[in-house]
Amino acid sequence: MLFDRLASSILSQQLSVKAAATIAGRLRDRASTTGHTSPTSARPLLAPDLVATLSDEELRACGISRPKVAALRDLADAVRSGRIPTLEVLLGYDDDDVINALTAVRGIGRWTAEMQLIFLLDRPDVFPLADVGVRRGFERVLGLEAKATPAQMAEHAQAWAPYRSVASWYLWRAVDQTGESVPPA
C-alpha cells in the first residue's frame, strides 16, 4: 500500500489528473500484484518487485518521464531494501520522522510526505503550508486580497491545532466550491 501511494504521487507530479491516471493505469497493467487491491478502491496495487523488473524502455512506454523512472527505481529500491520503513513502522513514527524517512527517497518532497500523513496515516494535525489549494482556501475563507505567506498561514493555523488536517480539508473544500482544483485523496 505504501509503495503504491508513493509511486502514484511520483507519477502524478506536474500532470493533469487525467494524464496521471492514464500513465498509472498503464503501469498497473504491467506491475500490479494479482489479488491485492487498495482497500479504498478496486484498483490493483503496484508492487515494488514488479516495477523493479521492468526495463527503462518498458517504463517509458507507459508514458513515464526519465526523471520519474529514476524516482520510481529509487522508491522500489528503498522499499525492497528497507531504506524506508514499512507502513506499520511509520504508523509509530512522529510526523517529523515520517517526513524525514519519506523525503530521503528521490522524487518525494515534503508536500508528498504531508499528503501521506493526512491521507494514508490519518494524522489529525498536519497543515501543508506549501499546498496551493490550502493557501487559496485560506485566502478565500479569511477574505484576503493579497497572497498569504507561509508565516501568516502557520501563525493563524496554530488556533486550529490539534486538528489542522481537518482545517486543511475545509480549506480544500472552500476552493473546490469555486471550481479550482484540489489535491487527490
Protein backbone atom coordinates (compact mmCIF):
# COMPACT_ATOMS: atom_id res chain seq x y z
CA MET A 1 0.00 0.00 0.00
CA LEU A 2 2.77 2.48 0.92
CA PHE A 3 4.71 1.80 -2.28
CA ASP A 4 1.55 2.17 -4.35
CA ARG A 5 0.64 5.50 -2.76
CA LEU A 6 4.14 6.94 -3.07
CA ALA A 7 4.56 5.70 -6.64
CA SER A 8 1.19 7.24 -7.55
CA SER A 9 2.30 10.53 -6.03
CA ILE A 10 5.50 10.50 -8.06
CA LEU A 11 3.63 9.66 -11.26
CA SER A 12 1.10 12.46 -10.79
CA GLN A 13 3.59 15.26 -10.17
CA GLN A 14 3.11 18.16 -12.60
CA LEU A 15 0.48 16.31 -14.64
CA SER A 16 -3.24 16.68 -15.09
CA VAL A 17 -5.36 14.19 -13.17
CA LYS A 18 -6.40 12.52 -16.43
CA ALA A 19 -2.84 12.16 -17.76
CA ALA A 20 -1.59 10.81 -14.44
CA ALA A 21 -4.44 8.28 -14.27
CA THR A 22 -3.68 7.08 -17.80
CA ILE A 23 0.03 6.61 -17.05
CA ALA A 24 -0.66 4.94 -13.70
CA GLY A 25 -3.17 2.62 -15.38
CA ARG A 26 -0.59 1.54 -17.93
CA LEU A 27 1.93 0.87 -15.18
CA ARG A 28 -0.64 -1.03 -13.10
CA ASP A 29 -1.32 -3.27 -16.11
CA ARG A 30 2.37 -4.26 -16.09
CA ALA A 31 3.39 -4.14 -12.43
CA SER A 32 0.46 -4.89 -10.14
CA THR A 33 0.05 -7.76 -7.75
CA THR A 34 -2.70 -10.20 -8.60
CA GLY A 35 -5.37 -10.38 -5.95
CA HIS A 36 -4.11 -7.37 -3.98
CA THR A 37 -6.23 -4.27 -4.29
CA SER A 38 -6.41 -0.98 -2.50
CA PRO A 39 -8.81 -1.05 0.47
CA THR A 40 -10.35 2.21 -0.75
CA SER A 41 -10.79 1.16 -4.39
CA ALA A 42 -10.83 -1.94 -6.56
CA ARG A 43 -7.62 -0.96 -8.34
CA PRO A 44 -4.69 -3.37 -8.12
CA LEU A 45 -1.69 -2.24 -6.07
CA LEU A 46 1.67 -1.54 -7.67
CA ALA A 47 4.36 -3.91 -6.44
CA PRO A 48 7.95 -2.70 -5.95
CA ASP A 49 9.42 -6.04 -7.08
CA LEU A 50 7.44 -5.94 -10.33
CA VAL A 51 8.27 -2.29 -11.03
CA ALA A 52 11.96 -3.05 -10.42
CA THR A 53 11.90 -5.83 -13.03
CA LEU A 54 10.64 -3.53 -15.80
CA SER A 55 13.27 -2.03 -18.09
CA ASP A 56 13.58 1.71 -18.52
CA GLU A 57 12.09 1.28 -22.00
CA GLU A 58 9.05 -0.55 -20.60
CA LEU A 59 8.52 2.18 -18.01
CA ARG A 60 8.97 4.90 -20.64
CA ALA A 61 6.42 3.08 -22.85
CA CYS A 62 3.88 3.68 -20.07
CA GLY A 63 4.46 7.40 -20.54
CA ILE A 64 6.78 7.87 -17.56
CA SER A 65 9.47 10.54 -17.94
CA ARG A 66 13.14 9.74 -17.37
CA PRO A 67 13.30 11.62 -14.03
CA LYS A 68 10.21 9.76 -12.80
CA VAL A 69 11.70 6.43 -13.94
CA ALA A 70 14.72 7.22 -11.75
CA ALA A 71 12.47 8.21 -8.85
CA LEU A 72 10.38 5.00 -9.17
CA ARG A 73 13.54 2.91 -9.23
CA ASP A 74 14.84 4.65 -6.09
CA LEU A 75 11.47 4.17 -4.38
CA ALA A 76 11.34 0.47 -5.30
CA ASP A 77 14.89 0.04 -4.00
CA ALA A 78 14.08 1.93 -0.78
CA VAL A 79 11.04 -0.25 -0.09
CA ARG A 80 12.73 -3.54 -1.03
CA SER A 81 15.92 -2.80 0.94
CA GLY A 82 14.15 -1.38 3.98
CA ARG A 83 15.73 2.04 3.49
CA ILE A 84 12.28 3.45 4.21
CA PRO A 85 10.21 1.80 6.91
CA THR A 86 7.09 -0.23 6.28
CA LEU A 87 3.69 1.37 6.69
CA GLU A 88 3.27 -0.45 10.00
CA VAL A 89 6.53 1.02 11.31
CA LEU A 90 5.72 4.51 10.01
CA LEU A 91 2.47 4.42 11.97
CA GLY A 92 4.57 4.54 15.14
CA TYR A 93 6.73 7.46 13.99
CA ASP A 94 6.01 11.07 14.84
CA ASP A 95 5.18 13.36 11.92
CA ASP A 96 8.68 14.81 11.53
CA ASP A 97 10.24 11.34 11.48
CA VAL A 98 7.78 10.22 8.79
CA ILE A 99 8.66 13.28 6.70
CA ASN A 100 12.39 12.65 7.13
CA ALA A 101 12.05 8.96 6.22
CA LEU A 102 9.98 9.56 3.10
CA THR A 103 11.87 12.57 1.76
CA ALA A 104 15.07 10.51 1.73
CA VAL A 105 13.71 8.96 -1.48
CA ARG A 106 14.31 10.67 -4.80
CA GLY A 107 11.17 12.40 -6.10
CA ILE A 108 9.45 12.61 -2.72
CA GLY A 109 9.33 16.03 -1.15
CA ARG A 110 7.75 17.47 1.95
CA TRP A 111 4.37 18.03 0.27
CA THR A 112 4.13 14.37 -0.77
CA ALA A 113 5.11 13.26 2.74
CA GLU A 114 2.49 15.56 4.27
CA MET A 115 -0.18 14.14 1.95
CA GLN A 116 0.74 10.64 3.18
CA LEU A 117 0.47 11.85 6.78
CA ILE A 118 -3.04 13.17 6.14
CA PHE A 119 -4.50 10.63 3.73
CA LEU A 120 -2.66 7.39 4.48
CA LEU A 121 -1.61 7.67 8.12
CA ASP A 122 -4.71 9.64 9.19
CA ARG A 123 -2.72 12.18 11.18
CA PRO A 124 -5.04 14.85 12.62
CA ASP A 125 -2.62 17.79 12.92
CA VAL A 126 -0.89 18.35 9.58
CA PHE A 127 -1.07 21.73 7.86
CA PRO A 128 0.65 21.64 4.44
CA LEU A 129 1.86 25.23 4.09
CA ALA A 130 3.18 24.70 0.54
CA ASP A 131 -0.11 23.34 -0.79
CA VAL A 132 -1.64 25.71 -3.32
CA GLY A 133 -5.20 24.57 -2.56
CA VAL A 134 -4.75 25.14 1.18
CA ARG A 135 -3.28 28.59 0.52
CA ARG A 136 -6.09 29.55 -1.87
CA GLY A 137 -8.71 28.28 0.56
CA PHE A 138 -7.03 30.16 3.41
CA GLU A 139 -7.11 33.39 1.37
CA ARG A 140 -10.75 32.83 0.39
CA VAL A 141 -12.01 31.93 3.88
CA LEU A 142 -10.16 34.85 5.50
CA GLY A 143 -11.10 37.25 2.70
CA LEU A 144 -7.51 38.15 1.94
CA GLU A 145 -6.80 40.18 -1.17
CA ALA A 146 -3.04 39.56 -1.14
CA LYS A 147 -1.32 36.20 -1.41
CA ALA A 148 -0.98 34.60 2.04
CA THR A 149 2.55 33.90 3.21
CA PRO A 150 3.54 30.62 4.84
CA ALA A 151 4.33 32.56 8.03
CA GLN A 152 0.81 34.08 8.11
CA MET A 153 -0.74 30.71 7.49
CA ALA A 154 1.35 28.95 10.15
CA GLU A 155 0.57 31.60 12.74
CA HIS A 156 -3.17 31.56 12.06
CA ALA A 157 -3.28 27.75 11.90
CA GLN A 158 -1.96 27.49 15.47
CA ALA A 159 -5.53 28.17 16.59
CA TRP A 160 -6.67 25.04 14.72
CA ALA A 161 -4.25 22.68 16.49
CA PRO A 162 -4.51 19.77 17.11
CA TYR A 163 -6.87 19.40 14.14
CA ARG A 164 -5.07 21.23 11.34
CA SER A 165 -5.62 18.30 8.96
CA VAL A 166 -9.35 18.91 9.33
CA ALA A 167 -8.78 22.61 8.65
CA SER A 168 -6.87 21.64 5.50
CA TRP A 169 -9.84 19.56 4.33
CA TYR A 170 -12.17 22.53 4.83
CA LEU A 171 -9.78 24.89 3.04
CA TRP A 172 -9.53 22.50 0.07
CA ARG A 173 -13.31 22.28 0.05
CA ALA A 174 -13.62 26.08 0.06
CA VAL A 175 -11.53 26.14 -3.11
CA ASP A 176 -13.35 23.13 -4.59
CA GLN A 177 -16.63 25.03 -4.31
CA THR A 178 -15.22 27.61 -6.73
CA GLY A 179 -14.23 25.03 -9.36
CA GLU A 180 -10.49 25.30 -8.66
CA SER A 181 -8.54 22.07 -8.38
CA VAL A 182 -7.73 20.35 -5.09
CA PRO A 183 -5.29 17.54 -4.35
CA PRO A 184 -6.33 13.91 -4.82
CA ALA A 185 -7.08 11.85 -1.74
